[in-house]
């Protein structure tokens, strides 16, 4: 994952793993701070709070 030009860039899901991005924001940075400690989305929701996971995933 790389943060440049005000966006977070990463490999997307699926067999092609297309490069995709999301805008950088305080909510996204807070969510990413919890990613390393979680091995699945449910654990991430529990660690960061479901509301934060939902808000960060819905931004474009």
C-alpha atoms as a PDB file:
ATOM      1  CA  UNK A   1       0.000   0.000   0.000  1.00  0.00           C
ATOM      2  CA  UNK A   2       1.306   3.411  -0.937  1.00  0.00           C
ATOM      3  CA  UNK A   3       0.083   6.901   0.003  1.00  0.00           C
ATOM      4  CA  UNK A   4       0.777   9.500  -2.683  1.00  0.00           C
ATOM      5  CA  UNK A   5      -1.051  12.315  -4.406  1.00  0.00           C
ATOM      6  CA  UNK A   6      -3.619  12.356  -1.568  1.00  0.00           C
ATOM      7  CA  UNK A   7      -4.739   8.770  -2.253  1.00  0.00           C
ATOM      8  CA  UNK A   8      -3.979   5.290  -0.885  1.00  0.00           C
ATOM      9  CA  UNK A   9      -2.975   2.913  -3.715  1.00  0.00           C
ATOM     10  CA  UNK A  10      -3.166  -0.879  -3.360  1.00  0.00           C
ATOM     11  CA  UNK A  11      -3.830  -4.112  -5.222  1.00  0.00           C
ATOM     12  CA  UNK A  12      -7.525  -4.888  -5.580  1.00  0.00           C
ATOM     13  CA  UNK A  13      -9.118  -8.292  -4.999  1.00  0.00           C
ATOM     14  CA  UNK A  14      -9.532 -10.941  -7.621  1.00  0.00           C
ATOM     15  CA  UNK A  15      -7.314 -12.846 -10.001  1.00  0.00           C
ATOM     16  CA  UNK A  16      -6.070  -9.737 -11.820  1.00  0.00           C
ATOM     17  CA  UNK A  17      -5.373  -7.719  -8.656  1.00  0.00           C
ATOM     18  CA  UNK A  18      -5.891  -4.432 -10.483  1.00  0.00           C
ATOM     19  CA  UNK A  19      -4.282  -1.388  -8.879  1.00  0.00           C
ATOM     20  CA  UNK A  20      -6.945   0.755  -7.254  1.00  0.00           C
ATOM     21  CA  UNK A  21      -7.053   3.702  -4.872  1.00  0.00           C
ATOM     22  CA  UNK A  22      -9.150   5.536  -2.303  1.00  0.00           C
ATOM     23  CA  UNK A  23      -8.818   9.147  -1.121  1.00  0.00           C
ATOM     24  CA  UNK A  24      -6.729   9.757   1.963  1.00  0.00           C
ATOM     25  CA  UNK A  25      -8.779  10.961   4.924  1.00  0.00           C
ATOM     26  CA  UNK A  26      -8.588  10.867   8.720  1.00  0.00           C
ATOM     27  CA  UNK A  27     -11.140   7.993   8.776  1.00  0.00           C
ATOM     28  CA  UNK A  28      -9.115   5.931   6.280  1.00  0.00           C
ATOM     29  CA  UNK A  29      -5.860   6.518   8.215  1.00  0.00           C
ATOM     30  CA  UNK A  30      -7.566   5.522  11.481  1.00  0.00           C
ATOM     31  CA  UNK A  31      -8.940   2.365   9.871  1.00  0.00           C
ATOM     32  CA  UNK A  32      -5.552   1.454   8.365  1.00  0.00           C
ATOM     33  CA  UNK A  33      -3.945   1.791  11.803  1.00  0.00           C
ATOM     34  CA  UNK A  34      -5.945  -1.301  12.837  1.00  0.00           C
ATOM     35  CA  UNK A  35      -5.387  -3.450   9.729  1.00  0.00           C
ATOM     36  CA  UNK A  36      -2.153  -5.091  10.894  1.00  0.00           C
ATOM     37  CA  UNK A  37      -3.787  -6.434  14.049  1.00  0.00           C
ATOM     38  CA  UNK A  38      -6.769  -8.006  12.233  1.00  0.00           C
ATOM     39  CA  UNK A  39      -6.901 -11.070  10.015  1.00  0.00           C
ATOM     40  CA  UNK A  40     -10.469 -10.638   8.751  1.00  0.00           C
ATOM     41  CA  UNK A  41     -13.085  -7.926   8.243  1.00  0.00           C
ATOM     42  CA  UNK A  42     -15.067  -8.940  11.347  1.00  0.00           C
ATOM     43  CA  UNK A  43     -11.981  -8.482  13.511  1.00  0.00           C
ATOM     44  CA  UNK A  44     -11.300  -5.121  11.874  1.00  0.00           C
ATOM     45  CA  UNK A  45     -14.866  -3.993  12.572  1.00  0.00           C
ATOM     46  CA  UNK A  46     -14.455  -5.013  16.203  1.00  0.00           C
ATOM     47  CA  UNK A  47     -11.057  -3.308  16.627  1.00  0.00           C
ATOM     48  CA  UNK A  48     -11.872  -0.069  14.809  1.00  0.00           C
ATOM     49  CA  UNK A  49     -15.614   0.040  15.282  1.00  0.00           C
ATOM     50  CA  UNK A  50     -18.172  -0.996  12.690  1.00  0.00           C
ATOM     51  CA  UNK A  51     -19.186   2.607  12.010  1.00  0.00           C
ATOM     52  CA  UNK A  52     -15.607   3.554  11.068  1.00  0.00           C
ATOM     53  CA  UNK A  53     -15.261   0.519   8.777  1.00  0.00           C
ATOM     54  CA  UNK A  54     -18.516   1.407   7.027  1.00  0.00           C
ATOM     55  CA  UNK A  55     -17.670   5.120   6.640  1.00  0.00           C
ATOM     56  CA  UNK A  56     -14.180   4.443   5.280  1.00  0.00           C
ATOM     57  CA  UNK A  57     -15.368   1.850   2.778  1.00  0.00           C
ATOM     58  CA  UNK A  58     -18.139   4.083   1.444  1.00  0.00           C
ATOM     59  CA  UNK A  59     -15.928   7.073   0.578  1.00  0.00           C
ATOM     60  CA  UNK A  60     -14.744   7.532  -2.998  1.00  0.00           C
END
